[in-house]
């Protein structure tokens, strides 16, 4: 669970002004998938929080993309 919390904090603190944000978010998503796959015994809890964190990553990535494309 601590790993999930760490990933969520990293995503929440991601800077939308940095050019490396997209690769950083993809790295967070990869880390999240590794944690979810590794933690089979806590499957329901990890999967629930993992799904929420994945949605957070997608939202931040969308906001980052929107900020980069707007004038």
PDB file of N, CA and C in Angstrom:
ATOM      1  N   UNK A   1       0.822  -1.197   0.000  1.00  0.00           N
ATOM      2  CA  UNK A   1       0.000   0.000   0.000  1.00  0.00           C
ATOM      3  C   UNK A   1       0.868   1.263   0.000  1.00  0.00           C
ATOM      4  N   UNK A   2       2.009   1.189   0.669  1.00  0.00           N
ATOM      5  CA  UNK A   2       2.895   2.359   0.688  1.00  0.00           C
ATOM      6  C   UNK A   2       3.395   2.696  -0.708  1.00  0.00           C
ATOM      7  N   UNK A   3       3.658   1.664  -1.506  1.00  0.00           N
ATOM      8  CA  UNK A   3       4.110   1.907  -2.870  1.00  0.00           C
ATOM      9  C   UNK A   3       3.041   2.624  -3.686  1.00  0.00           C
ATOM     10  N   UNK A   4       1.791   2.227  -3.490  1.00  0.00           N
ATOM     11  CA  UNK A   4       0.693   2.896  -4.202  1.00  0.00           C
ATOM     12  C   UNK A   4       0.586   4.354  -3.777  1.00  0.00           C
ATOM     13  N   UNK A   5       0.721   4.598  -2.488  1.00  0.00           N
ATOM     14  CA  UNK A   5       0.653   5.972  -1.988  1.00  0.00           C
ATOM     15  C   UNK A   5       1.804   6.802  -2.548  1.00  0.00           C
ATOM     16  N   UNK A   6       2.999   6.217  -2.631  1.00  0.00           N
ATOM     17  CA  UNK A   6       4.143   6.930  -3.200  1.00  0.00           C
ATOM     18  C   UNK A   6       3.903   7.294  -4.660  1.00  0.00           C
ATOM     19  N   UNK A   7       3.373   6.354  -5.414  1.00  0.00           N
ATOM     20  CA  UNK A   7       3.094   6.617  -6.833  1.00  0.00           C
ATOM     21  C   UNK A   7       2.045   7.726  -6.969  1.00  0.00           C
ATOM     22  N   UNK A   8       0.999   7.657  -6.155  1.00  0.00           N
ATOM     23  CA  UNK A   8      -0.048   8.687  -6.217  1.00  0.00           C
ATOM     24  C   UNK A   8       0.516  10.058  -5.869  1.00  0.00           C
ATOM     25  N   UNK A   9       1.375  10.130  -4.867  1.00  0.00           N
ATOM     26  CA  UNK A   9       1.986  11.420  -4.506  1.00  0.00           C
ATOM     27  C   UNK A   9       2.856  11.958  -5.630  1.00  0.00           C
ATOM     28  N   UNK A  10       3.620  11.080  -6.245  1.00  0.00           N
ATOM     29  CA  UNK A  10       4.485  11.514  -7.351  1.00  0.00           C
ATOM     30  C   UNK A  10       3.664  12.072  -8.509  1.00  0.00           C
ATOM     31  N   UNK A  11       2.567  11.408  -8.821  1.00  0.00           N
ATOM     32  CA  UNK A  11       1.706  11.874  -9.914  1.00  0.00           C
ATOM     33  C   UNK A  11       1.046  13.201  -9.543  1.00  0.00           C
ATOM     34  N   UNK A  12       0.570  13.300  -8.329  1.00  0.00           N
ATOM     35  CA  UNK A  12      -0.102  14.522  -7.896  1.00  0.00           C
ATOM     36  C   UNK A  12       0.849  15.714  -7.898  1.00  0.00           C
ATOM     37  N   UNK A  13       2.128  15.470  -7.683  1.00  0.00           N
ATOM     38  CA  UNK A  13       3.110  16.556  -7.644  1.00  0.00           C
ATOM     39  C   UNK A  13       3.802  16.786  -8.979  1.00  0.00           C
ATOM     40  N   UNK A  14       3.379  16.092 -10.018  1.00  0.00           N
ATOM     41  CA  UNK A  14       4.009  16.246 -11.336  1.00  0.00           C
ATOM     42  C   UNK A  14       3.784  17.660 -11.860  1.00  0.00           C
ATOM     43  N   UNK A  15       4.840  18.242 -12.376  1.00  0.00           N
ATOM     44  CA  UNK A  15       4.773  19.595 -12.917  1.00  0.00           C
ATOM     45  C   UNK A  15       4.229  19.560 -14.342  1.00  0.00           C
ATOM     46  N   UNK A  16       3.254  20.397 -14.615  1.00  0.00           N
ATOM     47  CA  UNK A  16       2.696  20.464 -15.964  1.00  0.00           C
ATOM     48  C   UNK A  16       3.542  21.343 -16.881  1.00  0.00           C
ATOM     49  N   UNK A  17       4.534  22.027 -16.313  1.00  0.00           N
ATOM     50  CA  UNK A  17       5.381  22.923 -17.097  1.00  0.00           C
ATOM     51  C   UNK A  17       6.651  22.262 -17.614  1.00  0.00           C
ATOM     52  N   UNK A  18       6.932  21.070 -17.156  1.00  0.00           N
ATOM     53  CA  UNK A  18       8.176  20.385 -17.509  1.00  0.00           C
ATOM     54  C   UNK A  18       7.990  19.568 -18.784  1.00  0.00           C
ATOM     55  N   UNK A  19       8.952  19.616 -19.658  1.00  0.00           N
ATOM     56  CA  UNK A  19       8.888  18.862 -20.919  1.00  0.00           C
ATOM     57  C   UNK A  19       9.006  17.356 -20.703  1.00  0.00           C
ATOM     58  N   UNK A  20       9.523  16.941 -19.563  1.00  0.00           N
ATOM     59  CA  UNK A  20       9.700  15.520 -19.276  1.00  0.00           C
ATOM     60  C   UNK A  20       8.495  14.903 -18.573  1.00  0.00           C
ATOM     61  N   UNK A  21       7.429  15.659 -18.397  1.00  0.00           N
ATOM     62  CA  UNK A  21       6.274  15.171 -17.653  1.00  0.00           C
ATOM     63  C   UNK A  21       5.639  13.948 -18.296  1.00  0.00           C
ATOM     64  N   UNK A  22       5.520  13.931 -19.606  1.00  0.00           N
ATOM     65  CA  UNK A  22       4.867  12.790 -20.256  1.00  0.00           C
ATOM     66  C   UNK A  22       5.644  11.500 -20.010  1.00  0.00           C
ATOM     67  N   UNK A  23       6.963  11.537 -20.136  1.00  0.00           N
ATOM     68  CA  UNK A  23       7.747  10.326 -19.867  1.00  0.00           C
ATOM     69  C   UNK A  23       7.711   9.964 -18.389  1.00  0.00           C
ATOM     70  N   UNK A  24       7.662  10.958 -17.533  1.00  0.00           N
ATOM     71  CA  UNK A  24       7.565  10.724 -16.092  1.00  0.00           C
ATOM     72  C   UNK A  24       6.244  10.027 -15.752  1.00  0.00           C
ATOM     73  N   UNK A  25       5.152  10.499 -16.329  1.00  0.00           N
ATOM     74  CA  UNK A  25       3.845   9.890 -16.074  1.00  0.00           C
ATOM     75  C   UNK A  25       3.774   8.465 -16.618  1.00  0.00           C
ATOM     76  N   UNK A  26       4.371   8.231 -17.766  1.00  0.00           N
ATOM     77  CA  UNK A  26       4.414   6.869 -18.310  1.00  0.00           C
ATOM     78  C   UNK A  26       5.228   5.949 -17.402  1.00  0.00           C
ATOM     79  N   UNK A  27       6.277   6.482 -16.826  1.00  0.00           N
ATOM     80  CA  UNK A  27       7.084   5.711 -15.878  1.00  0.00           C
ATOM     81  C   UNK A  27       6.265   5.380 -14.632  1.00  0.00           C
ATOM     82  N   UNK A  28       5.487   6.346 -14.160  1.00  0.00           N
ATOM     83  CA  UNK A  28       4.615   6.107 -13.004  1.00  0.00           C
ATOM     84  C   UNK A  28       3.580   5.032 -13.317  1.00  0.00           C
ATOM     85  N   UNK A  29       3.048   5.078 -14.515  1.00  0.00           N
ATOM     86  CA  UNK A  29       2.068   4.076 -14.935  1.00  0.00           C
ATOM     87  C   UNK A  29       2.698   2.686 -14.987  1.00  0.00           C
ATOM     88  N   UNK A  30       3.912   2.601 -15.480  1.00  0.00           N
ATOM     89  CA  UNK A  30       4.624   1.317 -15.490  1.00  0.00           C
ATOM     90  C   UNK A  30       4.871   0.815 -14.075  1.00  0.00           C
ATOM     91  N   UNK A  31       5.295   1.713 -13.189  1.00  0.00           N
ATOM     92  CA  UNK A  31       5.515   1.343 -11.786  1.00  0.00           C
ATOM     93  C   UNK A  31       4.227   0.837 -11.152  1.00  0.00           C
ATOM     94  N   UNK A  32       3.130   1.504 -11.467  1.00  0.00           N
ATOM     95  CA  UNK A  32       1.835   1.108 -10.929  1.00  0.00           C
ATOM     96  C   UNK A  32       1.469  -0.304 -11.390  1.00  0.00           C
ATOM     97  N   UNK A  33       1.670  -0.577 -12.646  1.00  0.00           N
ATOM     98  CA  UNK A  33       1.352  -1.915 -13.171  1.00  0.00           C
ATOM     99  C   UNK A  33       2.200  -2.994 -12.508  1.00  0.00           C
ATOM    100  N   UNK A  34       3.457  -2.698 -12.251  1.00  0.00           N
ATOM    101  CA  UNK A  34       4.339  -3.655 -11.578  1.00  0.00           C
ATOM    102  C   UNK A  34       3.837  -3.936 -10.165  1.00  0.00           C
ATOM    103  N   UNK A  35       3.461  -2.899  -9.448  1.00  0.00           N
ATOM    104  CA  UNK A  35       2.963  -3.064  -8.076  1.00  0.00           C
ATOM    105  C   UNK A  35       1.688  -3.888  -8.063  1.00  0.00           C
ATOM    106  N   UNK A  36       0.766  -3.588  -8.959  1.00  0.00           N
ATOM    107  CA  UNK A  36      -0.507  -4.320  -8.999  1.00  0.00           C
ATOM    108  C   UNK A  36      -0.266  -5.792  -9.339  1.00  0.00           C
ATOM    109  N   UNK A  37       0.609  -6.065 -10.279  1.00  0.00           N
ATOM    110  CA  UNK A  37       0.896  -7.446 -10.662  1.00  0.00           C
ATOM    111  C   UNK A  37       1.586  -8.221  -9.542  1.00  0.00           C
ATOM    112  N   UNK A  38       2.459  -7.559  -8.813  1.00  0.00           N
ATOM    113  CA  UNK A  38       3.243  -8.223  -7.774  1.00  0.00           C
ATOM    114  C   UNK A  38       2.426  -8.530  -6.528  1.00  0.00           C
ATOM    115  N   UNK A  39       1.398  -7.762  -6.274  1.00  0.00           N
ATOM    116  CA  UNK A  39       0.641  -7.871  -5.026  1.00  0.00           C
ATOM    117  C   UNK A  39      -0.647  -8.663  -5.217  1.00  0.00           C
ATOM    118  N   UNK A  40      -0.538  -9.891  -5.575  1.00  0.00           N
ATOM    119  CA  UNK A  40      -1.710 -10.734  -5.841  1.00  0.00           C
ATOM    120  C   UNK A  40      -2.517 -11.039  -4.582  1.00  0.00           C
ATOM    121  N   UNK A  41      -1.869 -11.153  -3.410  1.00  0.00           N
ATOM    122  CA  UNK A  41      -2.614 -11.542  -2.217  1.00  0.00           C
ATOM    123  C   UNK A  41      -3.529 -10.443  -1.700  1.00  0.00           C
ATOM    124  N   UNK A  42      -3.218  -9.210  -1.976  1.00  0.00           N
ATOM    125  CA  UNK A  42      -4.097  -8.090  -1.613  1.00  0.00           C
ATOM    126  C   UNK A  42      -4.854  -7.612  -2.842  1.00  0.00           C
ATOM    127  N   UNK A  43      -5.193  -8.531  -3.706  1.00  0.00           N
ATOM    128  CA  UNK A  43      -5.657  -8.207  -5.047  1.00  0.00           C
ATOM    129  C   UNK A  43      -6.768  -7.167  -5.096  1.00  0.00           C
ATOM    130  N   UNK A  44      -7.808  -7.316  -4.323  1.00  0.00           N
ATOM    131  CA  UNK A  44      -8.940  -6.397  -4.424  1.00  0.00           C
ATOM    132  C   UNK A  44      -8.562  -4.989  -3.980  1.00  0.00           C
ATOM    133  N   UNK A  45      -7.890  -4.874  -2.862  1.00  0.00           N
ATOM    134  CA  UNK A  45      -7.501  -3.556  -2.358  1.00  0.00           C
ATOM    135  C   UNK A  45      -6.513  -2.890  -3.304  1.00  0.00           C
ATOM    136  N   UNK A  46      -5.501  -3.626  -3.702  1.00  0.00           N
ATOM    137  CA  UNK A  46      -4.483  -3.065  -4.585  1.00  0.00           C
ATOM    138  C   UNK A  46      -5.090  -2.700  -5.929  1.00  0.00           C
ATOM    139  N   UNK A  47      -5.946  -3.548  -6.458  1.00  0.00           N
ATOM    140  CA  UNK A  47      -6.559  -3.262  -7.750  1.00  0.00           C
ATOM    141  C   UNK A  47      -7.465  -2.036  -7.666  1.00  0.00           C
ATOM    142  N   UNK A  48      -8.231  -1.901  -6.574  1.00  0.00           N
ATOM    143  CA  UNK A  48      -9.111  -0.737  -6.408  1.00  0.00           C
ATOM    144  C   UNK A  48      -8.317   0.563  -6.390  1.00  0.00           C
ATOM    145  N   UNK A  49      -7.300   0.607  -5.532  1.00  0.00           N
ATOM    146  CA  UNK A  49      -6.491   1.818  -5.455  1.00  0.00           C
ATOM    147  C   UNK A  49      -5.667   1.998  -6.724  1.00  0.00           C
ATOM    148  N   UNK A  50      -5.204   0.897  -7.277  1.00  0.00           N
ATOM    149  CA  UNK A  50      -4.446   0.978  -8.518  1.00  0.00           C
ATOM    150  C   UNK A  50      -5.261   1.584  -9.645  1.00  0.00           C
ATOM    151  N   UNK A  51      -6.517   1.203  -9.727  1.00  0.00           N
ATOM    152  CA  UNK A  51      -7.410   1.761 -10.753  1.00  0.00           C
ATOM    153  C   UNK A  51      -7.609   3.252 -10.544  1.00  0.00           C
ATOM    154  N   UNK A  52      -7.769   3.659  -9.311  1.00  0.00           N
ATOM    155  CA  UNK A  52      -7.944   5.090  -9.023  1.00  0.00           C
ATOM    156  C   UNK A  52      -6.693   5.886  -9.359  1.00  0.00           C
ATOM    157  N   UNK A  53      -5.532   5.320  -9.033  1.00  0.00           N
ATOM    158  CA  UNK A  53      -4.279   6.002  -9.336  1.00  0.00           C
ATOM    159  C   UNK A  53      -4.068   6.068 -10.845  1.00  0.00           C
ATOM    160  N   UNK A  54      -4.432   5.014 -11.548  1.00  0.00           N
ATOM    161  CA  UNK A  54      -4.320   5.034 -13.007  1.00  0.00           C
ATOM    162  C   UNK A  54      -5.189   6.143 -13.595  1.00  0.00           C
ATOM    163  N   UNK A  55      -6.377   6.334 -13.059  1.00  0.00           N
ATOM    164  CA  UNK A  55      -7.246   7.424 -13.529  1.00  0.00           C
ATOM    165  C   UNK A  55      -6.607   8.775 -13.239  1.00  0.00           C
ATOM    166  N   UNK A  56      -5.950   8.902 -12.083  1.00  0.00           N
ATOM    167  CA  UNK A  56      -5.251  10.137 -11.748  1.00  0.00           C
ATOM    168  C   UNK A  56      -4.129  10.408 -12.745  1.00  0.00           C
ATOM    169  N   UNK A  57      -3.368   9.379 -13.079  1.00  0.00           N
ATOM    170  CA  UNK A  57      -2.281   9.530 -14.050  1.00  0.00           C
ATOM    171  C   UNK A  57      -2.835   9.977 -15.394  1.00  0.00           C
ATOM    172  N   UNK A  58      -3.920   9.365 -15.817  1.00  0.00           N
ATOM    173  CA  UNK A  58      -4.524   9.742 -17.103  1.00  0.00           C
ATOM    174  C   UNK A  58      -5.036  11.180 -17.082  1.00  0.00           C
ATOM    175  N   UNK A  59      -5.611  11.602 -15.957  1.00  0.00           N
ATOM    176  CA  UNK A  59      -6.116  12.972 -15.830  1.00  0.00           C
ATOM    177  C   UNK A  59      -4.966  13.977 -15.881  1.00  0.00           C
ATOM    178  N   UNK A  60      -3.893  13.711 -15.158  1.00  0.00           N
ATOM    179  CA  UNK A  60      -2.747  14.613 -15.161  1.00  0.00           C
ATOM    180  C   UNK A  60      -2.119  14.655 -16.548  1.00  0.00           C
ATOM    181  N   UNK A  61      -2.018  13.510 -17.204  1.00  0.00           N
ATOM    182  CA  UNK A  61      -1.464  13.470 -18.558  1.00  0.00           C
ATOM    183  C   UNK A  61      -2.334  14.280 -19.519  1.00  0.00           C
ATOM    184  N   UNK A  62      -3.654  14.162 -19.384  1.00  0.00           N
ATOM    185  CA  UNK A  62      -4.575  14.929 -20.218  1.00  0.00           C
ATOM    186  C   UNK A  62      -4.385  16.425 -19.979  1.00  0.00           C
ATOM    187  N   UNK A  63      -4.296  16.832 -18.719  1.00  0.00           N
ATOM    188  CA  UNK A  63      -4.089  18.247 -18.392  1.00  0.00           C
ATOM    189  C   UNK A  63      -2.755  18.743 -18.940  1.00  0.00           C
ATOM    190  N   UNK A  64      -1.722  17.907 -18.821  1.00  0.00           N
ATOM    191  CA  UNK A  64      -0.409  18.262 -19.353  1.00  0.00           C
ATOM    192  C   UNK A  64      -0.490  18.465 -20.862  1.00  0.00           C
ATOM    193  N   UNK A  65      -1.152  17.547 -21.554  1.00  0.00           N
ATOM    194  CA  UNK A  65      -1.291  17.644 -23.006  1.00  0.00           C
ATOM    195  C   UNK A  65      -2.079  18.890 -23.389  1.00  0.00           C
ATOM    196  N   UNK A  66      -3.128  19.163 -22.637  1.00  0.00           N
ATOM    197  CA  UNK A  66      -3.955  20.351 -22.901  1.00  0.00           C
ATOM    198  C   UNK A  66      -3.159  21.624 -22.688  1.00  0.00           C
ATOM    199  N   UNK A  67      -2.357  21.668 -21.640  1.00  0.00           N
ATOM    200  CA  UNK A  67      -1.531  22.860 -21.381  1.00  0.00           C
ATOM    201  C   UNK A  67      -0.489  23.066 -22.472  1.00  0.00           C
ATOM    202  N   UNK A  68       0.046  21.984 -23.001  1.00  0.00           N
ATOM    203  CA  UNK A  68       1.079  22.083 -24.035  1.00  0.00           C
ATOM    204  C   UNK A  68       0.501  22.541 -25.369  1.00  0.00           C
ATOM    205  N   UNK A  69      -0.754  22.200 -25.646  1.00  0.00           N
ATOM    206  CA  UNK A  69      -1.344  22.537 -26.945  1.00  0.00           C
ATOM    207  C   UNK A  69      -2.036  23.892 -26.956  1.00  0.00           C
ATOM    208  N   UNK A  70      -2.383  24.415 -25.807  1.00  0.00           N
ATOM    209  CA  UNK A  70      -3.067  25.719 -25.792  1.00  0.00           C
ATOM    210  C   UNK A  70      -2.042  26.844 -25.892  1.00  0.00           C
ATOM    211  N   UNK A  71      -2.427  27.923 -26.577  1.00  0.00           N
ATOM    212  CA  UNK A  71      -1.502  29.045 -26.820  1.00  0.00           C
ATOM    213  C   UNK A  71      -1.114  29.790 -25.576  1.00  0.00           C
TER     214      UNK A  71
END
